[in-house]
């Protein structure tokens, strides 16, 4: 029973994944906000041109 480490390996891998996601998520949120701002700027510039 002590030789079976599959459960602890699963928990360890899950903790590493959680740590990675919590570390990377602020950067992804910042990037998404910047991309959204650029799209809004492009839409406003296109709308300023108008249609003939």
Protein backbone atom coordinates (compact mmCIF):
# COMPACT_ATOMS: atom_id res chain seq x y z
CA UNK A 1 0.00 0.00 0.00
CA UNK A 2 2.85 2.41 0.71
CA UNK A 3 4.41 1.71 -2.69
CA UNK A 4 1.31 2.95 -4.59
CA UNK A 5 1.94 6.66 -5.20
CA UNK A 6 -0.55 7.29 -8.02
CA UNK A 7 -2.89 9.33 -5.82
CA UNK A 8 -0.18 11.59 -4.45
CA UNK A 9 1.25 12.06 -7.94
CA UNK A 10 -2.17 13.17 -9.19
CA UNK A 11 -2.55 15.66 -6.34
CA UNK A 12 0.96 17.01 -6.89
CA UNK A 13 0.31 17.51 -10.61
CA UNK A 14 -3.02 19.20 -9.89
CA UNK A 15 -1.33 21.60 -7.46
CA UNK A 16 1.32 22.48 -10.06
CA UNK A 17 -1.40 23.19 -12.64
CA UNK A 18 -3.31 25.38 -10.17
CA UNK A 19 -0.14 27.29 -9.29
CA UNK A 20 0.63 27.83 -12.98
CA UNK A 21 -2.87 29.09 -13.75
CA UNK A 22 -2.90 31.46 -10.77
CA UNK A 23 0.51 32.82 -11.78
CA UNK A 24 -0.32 33.37 -15.46
CA UNK A 25 -3.92 34.63 -15.16
CA UNK A 26 -3.10 38.29 -14.29
CA UNK A 27 -0.92 38.56 -17.40
CA UNK A 28 -3.63 37.06 -19.59
CA UNK A 29 -6.21 39.45 -18.11
CA UNK A 30 -3.96 42.43 -18.83
CA UNK A 31 -3.37 41.24 -22.39
CA UNK A 32 -7.10 40.73 -22.97
CA UNK A 33 -7.84 44.23 -21.71
CA UNK A 34 -5.21 45.73 -24.02
CA UNK A 35 -6.56 43.83 -27.02
CA UNK A 36 -10.11 44.95 -26.20
CA UNK A 37 -8.96 48.55 -26.02
CA UNK A 38 -7.27 48.30 -29.42
CA UNK A 39 -10.43 46.83 -30.98
CA UNK A 40 -12.50 49.65 -29.51
CA UNK A 41 -10.07 52.21 -30.94
CA UNK A 42 -10.25 50.59 -34.38
CA UNK A 43 -14.06 50.55 -34.34
CA UNK A 44 -14.22 54.21 -33.39
CA UNK A 45 -11.76 55.13 -36.18
CA UNK A 46 -13.75 53.12 -38.73
CA UNK A 47 -17.00 54.75 -37.57
CA UNK A 48 -15.38 58.19 -37.86
CA UNK A 49 -14.72 57.58 -41.56
CA UNK A 50 -18.41 57.09 -42.21
CA UNK A 51 -20.18 55.58 -45.18
CA UNK A 52 -20.63 57.27 -48.56
